[in-house]
Amino acid sequence: MLNRRIFAVAVAGALSAGAAMAQSTVAVQHAKGTTEVPAAPKRVVVYDLGSLDTMQTLGIPVTGVPKAQFPAYMSGYADAKYTVAGSLFVPDYEVLSQIKPDLIIVGSRSAAKFDILSKIAPTVDFSVNSKQMLQDIDRNVTQLAKLYGKQAQGQALVGKINQEVT
């Protein structure tokens, strides 16, 4: 009887571990398709100010940022604790090799570098198409929130954005 319990616990543990491993990545939908990204990546480099704004609002950590003129409410990203990883248009590949990012986020200005950056780390393109702006913003916020298990906060933010537009 004891051997059956041990066996049952071992099987349950193995199944739980397998489920955890299966969920260790998240499929993130973006402007160029879908990319498998490690769940809750720790070292994130962001070349898109809209995504950086969303991440700040959702309390998502960032490691590398572009050299940019940040709006006053985002001026904290100019702090030395954030590594400057290039400009909004041109990544600094040497800095990226030092950061070893788990995720790179590009947007409209940096989207041309998507293929090269994808060879360095999982990369998502959160560009926003002006013809479907609200849908793209909704997608980007929702995908970032899902990546960090913050779906409720993401939905609240999407609701707030839609309300402000209305």
N, C-alpha and C. Protein backbone atom coordinates (compact mmCIF):
# COMPACT_ATOMS: atom_id res chain seq x y z
N MET A 1 0.82 -1.19 0.00
CA MET A 1 0.00 0.00 0.00
C MET A 1 0.86 1.26 0.00
N LEU A 2 1.92 1.26 0.82
CA LEU A 2 2.83 2.40 0.89
C LEU A 2 3.52 2.61 -0.46
N ASN A 3 3.90 1.52 -1.13
CA ASN A 3 4.55 1.63 -2.43
C ASN A 3 3.63 2.28 -3.46
N ARG A 4 2.33 1.98 -3.41
CA ARG A 4 1.36 2.60 -4.32
C ARG A 4 1.27 4.10 -4.08
N ARG A 5 1.26 4.50 -2.82
CA ARG A 5 1.20 5.93 -2.49
C ARG A 5 2.45 6.65 -2.99
N ILE A 6 3.59 6.04 -2.75
CA ILE A 6 4.85 6.64 -3.21
C ILE A 6 4.83 6.74 -4.73
N PHE A 7 4.38 5.68 -5.38
CA PHE A 7 4.29 5.69 -6.82
C PHE A 7 3.34 6.79 -7.31
N ALA A 8 2.17 6.90 -6.66
CA ALA A 8 1.19 7.91 -7.04
C ALA A 8 1.75 9.32 -6.86
N VAL A 9 2.43 9.54 -5.75
CA VAL A 9 3.04 10.85 -5.50
C VAL A 9 4.12 11.14 -6.54
N ALA A 10 4.92 10.13 -6.86
CA ALA A 10 5.98 10.31 -7.85
C ALA A 10 5.40 10.63 -9.22
N VAL A 11 4.34 9.93 -9.60
CA VAL A 11 3.70 10.18 -10.90
C VAL A 11 3.10 11.58 -10.92
N ALA A 12 2.41 11.95 -9.85
CA ALA A 12 1.81 13.28 -9.77
C ALA A 12 2.89 14.36 -9.86
N GLY A 13 4.00 14.14 -9.17
CA GLY A 13 5.10 15.08 -9.21
C GLY A 13 5.69 15.21 -10.60
N ALA A 14 5.86 14.08 -11.26
CA ALA A 14 6.40 14.09 -12.62
C ALA A 14 5.46 14.81 -13.58
N LEU A 15 4.16 14.56 -13.43
CA LEU A 15 3.18 15.24 -14.29
C LEU A 15 3.19 16.74 -14.03
N SER A 16 3.28 17.15 -12.78
CA SER A 16 3.34 18.57 -12.44
C SER A 16 4.59 19.21 -13.01
N ALA A 17 5.72 18.53 -12.88
CA ALA A 17 6.98 19.05 -13.42
C ALA A 17 6.88 19.18 -14.93
N GLY A 18 6.28 18.18 -15.57
CA GLY A 18 6.11 18.23 -17.02
C GLY A 18 5.23 19.38 -17.44
N ALA A 19 4.16 19.61 -16.68
CA ALA A 19 3.27 20.73 -16.98
C ALA A 19 4.00 22.05 -16.79
N ALA A 20 4.80 22.15 -15.74
CA ALA A 20 5.55 23.37 -15.49
C ALA A 20 6.55 23.62 -16.61
N MET A 21 7.21 22.55 -17.07
CA MET A 21 8.17 22.71 -18.15
C MET A 21 7.46 23.11 -19.43
N ALA A 22 6.28 22.55 -19.67
CA ALA A 22 5.52 22.89 -20.87
C ALA A 22 5.09 24.34 -20.85
N GLN A 23 4.91 24.90 -19.65
CA GLN A 23 4.48 26.28 -19.53
C GLN A 23 5.66 27.23 -19.32
N SER A 24 6.87 26.76 -19.50
CA SER A 24 8.02 27.62 -19.27
C SER A 24 8.21 28.64 -20.39
N THR A 25 7.50 28.46 -21.50
CA THR A 25 7.50 29.47 -22.55
C THR A 25 6.06 29.89 -22.84
N VAL A 26 5.94 31.07 -23.40
CA VAL A 26 4.63 31.62 -23.75
C VAL A 26 4.67 32.02 -25.22
N ALA A 27 3.65 31.64 -25.96
CA ALA A 27 3.55 32.05 -27.36
C ALA A 27 3.03 33.48 -27.40
N VAL A 28 3.86 34.40 -27.89
CA VAL A 28 3.50 35.82 -27.93
C VAL A 28 3.18 36.21 -29.37
N GLN A 29 1.97 36.71 -29.57
CA GLN A 29 1.55 37.18 -30.89
C GLN A 29 2.00 38.62 -31.06
N HIS A 30 2.49 38.92 -32.25
CA HIS A 30 2.97 40.28 -32.52
C HIS A 30 2.83 40.59 -34.00
N ALA A 31 3.32 41.74 -34.43
CA ALA A 31 3.14 42.20 -35.80
C ALA A 31 3.74 41.28 -36.85
N LYS A 32 4.75 40.51 -36.50
CA LYS A 32 5.39 39.62 -37.47
C LYS A 32 5.04 38.15 -37.25
N GLY A 33 4.06 37.86 -36.40
CA GLY A 33 3.67 36.48 -36.19
C GLY A 33 3.61 36.10 -34.72
N THR A 34 4.17 34.94 -34.41
CA THR A 34 4.17 34.43 -33.04
C THR A 34 5.59 34.00 -32.68
N THR A 35 6.02 34.31 -31.47
CA THR A 35 7.35 33.93 -30.99
C THR A 35 7.21 33.27 -29.63
N GLU A 36 7.91 32.16 -29.43
CA GLU A 36 7.97 31.51 -28.12
C GLU A 36 8.97 32.28 -27.25
N VAL A 37 8.48 32.74 -26.11
CA VAL A 37 9.27 33.57 -25.21
C VAL A 37 9.28 32.91 -23.83
N PRO A 38 10.42 32.93 -23.14
CA PRO A 38 10.42 32.39 -21.77
C PRO A 38 9.39 33.14 -20.91
N ALA A 39 8.63 32.41 -20.11
CA ALA A 39 7.64 33.05 -19.24
C ALA A 39 8.36 34.00 -18.28
N ALA A 40 7.79 35.18 -18.10
CA ALA A 40 8.33 36.21 -17.20
C ALA A 40 9.84 36.40 -17.39
N PRO A 41 10.27 36.77 -18.61
CA PRO A 41 11.70 36.95 -18.84
C PRO A 41 12.30 38.00 -17.91
N LYS A 42 13.53 37.76 -17.49
CA LYS A 42 14.19 38.64 -16.51
C LYS A 42 14.99 39.77 -17.18
N ARG A 43 15.69 39.47 -18.26
CA ARG A 43 16.54 40.46 -18.93
C ARG A 43 15.86 40.86 -20.24
N VAL A 44 15.11 41.97 -20.18
CA VAL A 44 14.34 42.43 -21.33
C VAL A 44 14.93 43.74 -21.85
N VAL A 45 15.14 43.79 -23.16
CA VAL A 45 15.60 45.01 -23.81
C VAL A 45 14.44 45.51 -24.68
N VAL A 46 14.12 46.79 -24.52
CA VAL A 46 12.95 47.37 -25.19
C VAL A 46 13.39 48.53 -26.07
N TYR A 47 13.08 48.44 -27.38
CA TYR A 47 13.38 49.51 -28.33
C TYR A 47 12.12 50.24 -28.78
N ASP A 48 11.04 50.10 -28.04
CA ASP A 48 9.76 50.69 -28.42
C ASP A 48 9.20 51.43 -27.21
N LEU A 49 9.01 52.74 -27.33
CA LEU A 49 8.55 53.53 -26.19
C LEU A 49 7.12 53.19 -25.78
N GLY A 50 6.27 52.82 -26.71
CA GLY A 50 4.91 52.42 -26.36
C GLY A 50 4.92 51.17 -25.48
N SER A 51 5.76 50.21 -25.83
CA SER A 51 5.88 48.99 -25.02
C SER A 51 6.51 49.30 -23.67
N LEU A 52 7.49 50.19 -23.66
CA LEU A 52 8.13 50.58 -22.41
C LEU A 52 7.12 51.26 -21.49
N ASP A 53 6.26 52.09 -22.04
CA ASP A 53 5.19 52.74 -21.28
C ASP A 53 4.26 51.69 -20.67
N THR A 54 3.87 50.71 -21.48
CA THR A 54 2.99 49.64 -21.00
C THR A 54 3.67 48.86 -19.88
N MET A 55 4.94 48.55 -20.07
CA MET A 55 5.67 47.78 -19.06
C MET A 55 5.78 48.57 -17.75
N GLN A 56 6.00 49.87 -17.85
CA GLN A 56 6.05 50.70 -16.65
C GLN A 56 4.70 50.67 -15.94
N THR A 57 3.63 50.82 -16.69
CA THR A 57 2.29 50.83 -16.12
C THR A 57 1.95 49.50 -15.44
N LEU A 58 2.39 48.39 -16.04
CA LEU A 58 2.10 47.07 -15.48
C LEU A 58 3.13 46.61 -14.45
N GLY A 59 4.17 47.42 -14.22
CA GLY A 59 5.19 47.06 -13.25
C GLY A 59 6.07 45.90 -13.70
N ILE A 60 6.37 45.86 -14.99
CA ILE A 60 7.19 44.79 -15.56
C ILE A 60 8.63 45.27 -15.66
N PRO A 61 9.59 44.47 -15.18
CA PRO A 61 10.99 44.91 -15.16
C PRO A 61 11.61 44.99 -16.55
N VAL A 62 12.54 45.93 -16.68
CA VAL A 62 13.26 46.16 -17.93
C VAL A 62 14.75 46.26 -17.60
N THR A 63 15.58 45.72 -18.49
CA THR A 63 17.03 45.80 -18.30
C THR A 63 17.66 46.83 -19.21
N GLY A 64 17.33 46.77 -20.50
CA GLY A 64 17.94 47.66 -21.48
C GLY A 64 16.92 48.52 -22.20
N VAL A 65 17.31 49.77 -22.45
CA VAL A 65 16.43 50.73 -23.11
C VAL A 65 17.22 51.47 -24.19
N PRO A 66 16.51 52.12 -25.12
CA PRO A 66 17.23 52.91 -26.11
C PRO A 66 17.64 54.26 -25.53
N LYS A 67 18.63 54.87 -26.15
CA LYS A 67 18.96 56.26 -25.82
C LYS A 67 17.85 57.08 -26.46
N ALA A 68 17.08 57.78 -25.63
CA ALA A 68 15.93 58.51 -26.16
C ALA A 68 15.59 59.67 -25.24
N GLN A 69 14.77 60.58 -25.76
CA GLN A 69 14.20 61.64 -24.94
C GLN A 69 12.89 61.08 -24.39
N PHE A 70 12.92 60.66 -23.13
CA PHE A 70 11.73 60.07 -22.52
C PHE A 70 10.79 61.16 -22.06
N PRO A 71 9.47 60.93 -22.18
CA PRO A 71 8.52 61.88 -21.60
C PRO A 71 8.76 61.96 -20.09
N ALA A 72 8.34 63.03 -19.48
CA ALA A 72 8.60 63.27 -18.06
C ALA A 72 8.17 62.08 -17.19
N TYR A 73 7.01 61.49 -17.47
CA TYR A 73 6.53 60.39 -16.63
C TYR A 73 7.33 59.10 -16.81
N MET A 74 8.19 59.06 -17.82
CA MET A 74 9.06 57.90 -18.05
C MET A 74 10.53 58.25 -17.85
N SER A 75 10.81 59.41 -17.29
CA SER A 75 12.19 59.88 -17.17
C SER A 75 13.07 58.96 -16.33
N GLY A 76 12.47 58.12 -15.50
CA GLY A 76 13.24 57.17 -14.70
C GLY A 76 14.07 56.22 -15.55
N TYR A 77 13.66 56.00 -16.80
CA TYR A 77 14.40 55.09 -17.68
C TYR A 77 15.73 55.68 -18.15
N ALA A 78 15.95 56.97 -17.88
CA ALA A 78 17.24 57.59 -18.19
C ALA A 78 18.25 57.33 -17.07
N ASP A 79 17.80 56.71 -15.99
CA ASP A 79 18.65 56.39 -14.85
C ASP A 79 19.74 55.39 -15.25
N ALA A 80 20.88 55.49 -14.61
CA ALA A 80 22.01 54.60 -14.92
C ALA A 80 21.74 53.13 -14.61
N LYS A 81 20.68 52.84 -13.84
CA LYS A 81 20.40 51.43 -13.55
C LYS A 81 19.87 50.69 -14.79
N TYR A 82 19.46 51.44 -15.81
CA TYR A 82 19.02 50.83 -17.07
C TYR A 82 20.16 50.95 -18.08
N THR A 83 20.50 49.85 -18.71
CA THR A 83 21.57 49.83 -19.69
C THR A 83 21.08 50.41 -21.01
N VAL A 84 21.83 51.36 -21.56
CA VAL A 84 21.49 51.92 -22.87
C VAL A 84 21.97 50.91 -23.91
N ALA A 85 21.01 50.40 -24.70
CA ALA A 85 21.31 49.31 -25.64
C ALA A 85 21.18 49.75 -27.09
N GLY A 86 21.55 51.01 -27.36
CA GLY A 86 21.45 51.54 -28.71
C GLY A 86 20.45 52.67 -28.78
N SER A 87 19.98 52.96 -29.99
CA SER A 87 18.99 54.01 -30.18
C SER A 87 17.65 53.38 -30.54
N LEU A 88 16.65 54.21 -30.77
CA LEU A 88 15.34 53.69 -31.19
C LEU A 88 15.41 53.01 -32.56
N PHE A 89 16.45 53.33 -33.33
CA PHE A 89 16.58 52.78 -34.68
C PHE A 89 17.67 51.73 -34.81
N VAL A 90 18.76 51.89 -34.04
CA VAL A 90 19.93 51.03 -34.21
C VAL A 90 20.34 50.41 -32.87
N PRO A 91 20.23 49.09 -32.76
CA PRO A 91 20.67 48.41 -31.53
C PRO A 91 22.19 48.46 -31.39
N ASP A 92 22.66 48.40 -30.16
CA ASP A 92 24.09 48.28 -29.89
C ASP A 92 24.34 46.80 -29.63
N TYR A 93 24.88 46.10 -30.62
CA TYR A 93 25.04 44.66 -30.55
C TYR A 93 26.07 44.24 -29.49
N GLU A 94 27.07 45.07 -29.28
CA GLU A 94 28.06 44.76 -28.24
C GLU A 94 27.39 44.77 -26.86
N VAL A 95 26.57 45.77 -26.61
CA VAL A 95 25.85 45.85 -25.33
C VAL A 95 24.89 44.67 -25.20
N LEU A 96 24.20 44.32 -26.28
CA LEU A 96 23.29 43.18 -26.24
C LEU A 96 24.03 41.89 -25.88
N SER A 97 25.25 41.74 -26.39
CA SER A 97 26.01 40.52 -26.07
C SER A 97 26.38 40.49 -24.59
N GLN A 98 26.51 41.65 -23.97
CA GLN A 98 26.79 41.70 -22.54
C GLN A 98 25.54 41.44 -21.70
N ILE A 99 24.41 41.97 -22.15
CA ILE A 99 23.15 41.79 -21.42
C ILE A 99 22.66 40.36 -21.50
N LYS A 100 22.85 39.72 -22.65
CA LYS A 100 22.31 38.38 -22.89
C LYS A 100 20.80 38.36 -22.60
N PRO A 101 20.03 39.14 -23.38
CA PRO A 101 18.60 39.28 -23.09
C PRO A 101 17.82 37.98 -23.25
N ASP A 102 16.75 37.87 -22.44
CA ASP A 102 15.79 36.78 -22.55
C ASP A 102 14.71 37.15 -23.57
N LEU A 103 14.55 38.47 -23.79
CA LEU A 103 13.54 38.98 -24.70
C LEU A 103 13.98 40.34 -25.22
N ILE A 104 13.74 40.56 -26.52
CA ILE A 104 13.96 41.87 -27.13
C ILE A 104 12.64 42.31 -27.73
N ILE A 105 12.25 43.55 -27.46
CA ILE A 105 11.01 44.11 -28.00
C ILE A 105 11.36 45.25 -28.94
N VAL A 106 10.88 45.14 -30.18
CA VAL A 106 11.06 46.21 -31.16
C VAL A 106 9.69 46.81 -31.47
N GLY A 107 9.72 48.00 -32.06
CA GLY A 107 8.50 48.68 -32.50
C GLY A 107 8.74 49.26 -33.87
N SER A 108 7.90 50.18 -34.27
CA SER A 108 7.94 50.72 -35.63
C SER A 108 9.33 51.19 -36.07
N ARG A 109 10.01 51.93 -35.22
CA ARG A 109 11.32 52.49 -35.60
C ARG A 109 12.42 51.43 -35.68
N SER A 110 12.32 50.41 -34.87
CA SER A 110 13.37 49.40 -34.80
C SER A 110 12.99 48.09 -35.49
N ALA A 111 11.79 48.03 -36.06
CA ALA A 111 11.29 46.78 -36.65
C ALA A 111 12.18 46.26 -37.78
N ALA A 112 12.89 47.14 -38.45
CA ALA A 112 13.77 46.71 -39.54
C ALA A 112 14.89 45.80 -39.05
N LYS A 113 15.19 45.84 -37.77
CA LYS A 113 16.26 45.02 -37.18
C LYS A 113 15.74 43.70 -36.60
N PHE A 114 14.46 43.42 -36.79
CA PHE A 114 13.82 42.24 -36.20
C PHE A 114 14.58 40.95 -36.51
N ASP A 115 14.89 40.70 -37.78
CA ASP A 115 15.53 39.43 -38.16
C ASP A 115 16.90 39.26 -37.50
N ILE A 116 17.68 40.31 -37.47
CA ILE A 116 19.02 40.24 -36.84
C ILE A 116 18.87 40.01 -35.34
N LEU A 117 17.97 40.77 -34.70
CA LEU A 117 17.78 40.64 -33.25
C LEU A 117 17.23 39.27 -32.88
N SER A 118 16.43 38.69 -33.75
CA SER A 118 15.86 37.36 -33.49
C SER A 118 16.94 36.28 -33.39
N LYS A 119 18.10 36.55 -33.95
CA LYS A 119 19.22 35.60 -33.85
C LYS A 119 19.93 35.72 -32.50
N ILE A 120 19.70 36.82 -31.80
CA ILE A 120 20.34 37.06 -30.51
C ILE A 120 19.49 36.52 -29.37
N ALA A 121 18.18 36.76 -29.45
CA ALA A 121 17.24 36.35 -28.40
C ALA A 121 15.83 36.35 -28.98
N PRO A 122 14.87 35.70 -28.30
CA PRO A 122 13.49 35.79 -28.77
C PRO A 122 13.12 37.27 -28.91
N THR A 123 12.54 37.61 -30.06
CA THR A 123 12.23 39.01 -30.36
C THR A 123 10.78 39.11 -30.80
N VAL A 124 10.10 40.14 -30.30
CA VAL A 124 8.73 40.41 -30.71
C VAL A 124 8.65 41.82 -31.28
N ASP A 125 7.79 41.99 -32.26
CA ASP A 125 7.60 43.29 -32.91
C ASP A 125 6.24 43.84 -32.50
N PHE A 126 6.25 44.82 -31.62
CA PHE A 126 5.01 45.44 -31.15
C PHE A 126 4.73 46.74 -31.90
N SER A 127 5.05 46.76 -33.20
CA SER A 127 4.69 47.91 -34.03
C SER A 127 3.18 48.05 -34.05
N VAL A 128 2.72 49.28 -34.22
CA VAL A 128 1.29 49.57 -34.27
C VAL A 128 0.97 50.13 -35.65
N ASN A 129 0.03 49.48 -36.33
CA ASN A 129 -0.43 49.91 -37.64
C ASN A 129 -1.49 50.98 -37.45
N SER A 130 -1.31 52.14 -38.07
CA SER A 130 -2.24 53.25 -37.87
C SER A 130 -3.66 52.93 -38.36
N LYS A 131 -3.80 51.94 -39.24
CA LYS A 131 -5.14 51.57 -39.74
C LYS A 131 -5.90 50.68 -38.76
N GLN A 132 -5.19 50.11 -37.80
CA GLN A 132 -5.84 49.26 -36.79
C GLN A 132 -5.18 49.50 -35.43
N MET A 133 -5.01 50.77 -35.12
CA MET A 133 -4.24 51.17 -33.95
C MET A 133 -4.76 50.56 -32.65
N LEU A 134 -6.04 50.67 -32.39
CA LEU A 134 -6.58 50.15 -31.13
C LEU A 134 -6.44 48.64 -31.02
N GLN A 135 -6.65 47.92 -32.12
CA GLN A 135 -6.48 46.47 -32.08
C GLN A 135 -5.03 46.09 -31.78
N ASP A 136 -4.09 46.81 -32.39
CA ASP A 136 -2.67 46.51 -32.16
C ASP A 136 -2.25 46.86 -30.73
N ILE A 137 -2.73 47.98 -30.22
CA ILE A 137 -2.41 48.35 -28.83
C ILE A 137 -2.99 47.31 -27.89
N ASP A 138 -4.22 46.88 -28.15
CA ASP A 138 -4.86 45.84 -27.33
C ASP A 138 -4.02 44.57 -27.36
N ARG A 139 -3.58 44.16 -28.55
CA ARG A 139 -2.75 42.95 -28.69
C ARG A 139 -1.47 43.10 -27.88
N ASN A 140 -0.79 44.22 -28.04
CA ASN A 140 0.50 44.42 -27.37
C ASN A 140 0.37 44.40 -25.85
N VAL A 141 -0.61 45.12 -25.33
CA VAL A 141 -0.83 45.16 -23.88
C VAL A 141 -1.20 43.78 -23.38
N THR A 142 -2.11 43.12 -24.08
CA THR A 142 -2.57 41.79 -23.67
C THR A 142 -1.43 40.78 -23.67
N GLN A 143 -0.59 40.83 -24.69
CA GLN A 143 0.51 39.87 -24.79
C GLN A 143 1.56 40.11 -23.70
N LEU A 144 1.89 41.37 -23.44
CA LEU A 144 2.84 41.66 -22.36
C LEU A 144 2.28 41.22 -21.01
N ALA A 145 1.00 41.51 -20.78
CA ALA A 145 0.37 41.12 -19.51
C ALA A 145 0.37 39.60 -19.36
N LYS A 146 0.04 38.88 -20.42
CA LYS A 146 0.01 37.41 -20.38
C LYS A 146 1.39 36.85 -20.07
N LEU A 147 2.41 37.43 -20.64
CA LEU A 147 3.78 36.96 -20.47
C LEU A 147 4.21 36.99 -19.00
N TYR A 148 3.64 37.92 -18.24
CA TYR A 148 4.01 38.07 -16.83
C TYR A 148 2.89 37.70 -15.86
N GLY A 149 1.84 37.04 -16.37
CA GLY A 149 0.74 36.63 -15.50
C GLY A 149 -0.03 37.80 -14.93
N LYS A 150 -0.12 38.89 -15.68
CA LYS A 150 -0.82 40.09 -15.21
C LYS A 150 -2.01 40.40 -16.12
N GLN A 151 -2.76 39.33 -16.45
CA GLN A 151 -3.87 39.49 -17.39
C GLN A 151 -4.93 40.47 -16.90
N ALA A 152 -5.26 40.44 -15.62
CA ALA A 152 -6.29 41.34 -15.08
C ALA A 152 -5.85 42.80 -15.22
N GLN A 153 -4.59 43.08 -14.87
CA GLN A 153 -4.08 44.44 -15.00
C GLN A 153 -4.04 44.86 -16.47
N GLY A 154 -3.68 43.93 -17.34
CA GLY A 154 -3.65 44.22 -18.77
C GLY A 154 -5.02 44.56 -19.31
N GLN A 155 -6.03 43.78 -18.90
CA GLN A 155 -7.40 44.06 -19.36
C GLN A 155 -7.89 45.39 -18.83
N ALA A 156 -7.52 45.71 -17.59
CA ALA A 156 -7.91 47.01 -17.01
C ALA A 156 -7.27 48.15 -17.80
N LEU A 157 -6.01 47.98 -18.18
CA LEU A 157 -5.32 49.00 -18.95
C LEU A 157 -5.95 49.16 -20.34
N VAL A 158 -6.26 48.05 -20.99
CA VAL A 158 -6.92 48.11 -22.30
C VAL A 158 -8.26 48.83 -22.16
N GLY A 159 -9.01 48.51 -21.12
CA GLY A 159 -10.30 49.18 -20.88
C GLY A 159 -10.12 50.68 -20.69
N LYS A 160 -9.10 51.07 -19.95
CA LYS A 160 -8.84 52.49 -19.70
C LYS A 160 -8.47 53.20 -21.01
N ILE A 161 -7.63 52.56 -21.82
CA ILE A 161 -7.23 53.15 -23.11
C ILE A 161 -8.46 53.32 -24.00
N ASN A 162 -9.28 52.28 -24.10
CA ASN A 162 -10.48 52.36 -24.93
C ASN A 162 -11.44 53.44 -24.42
N GLN A 163 -11.56 53.58 -23.12
CA GLN A 163 -12.44 54.58 -22.54
C GLN A 163 -11.92 55.99 -22.87
N GLU A 164 -10.61 56.18 -22.78
CA GLU A 164 -10.03 57.49 -23.09
C GLU A 164 -10.22 57.85 -24.57
N VAL A 165 -10.13 56.85 -25.44
CA VAL A 165 -10.31 57.09 -26.87
C VAL A 165 -11.77 57.46 -27.15
N THR A 166 -12.69 56.78 -26.47
CA THR A 166 -14.11 57.07 -26.66
C THR A 166 -14.43 58.46 -26.18
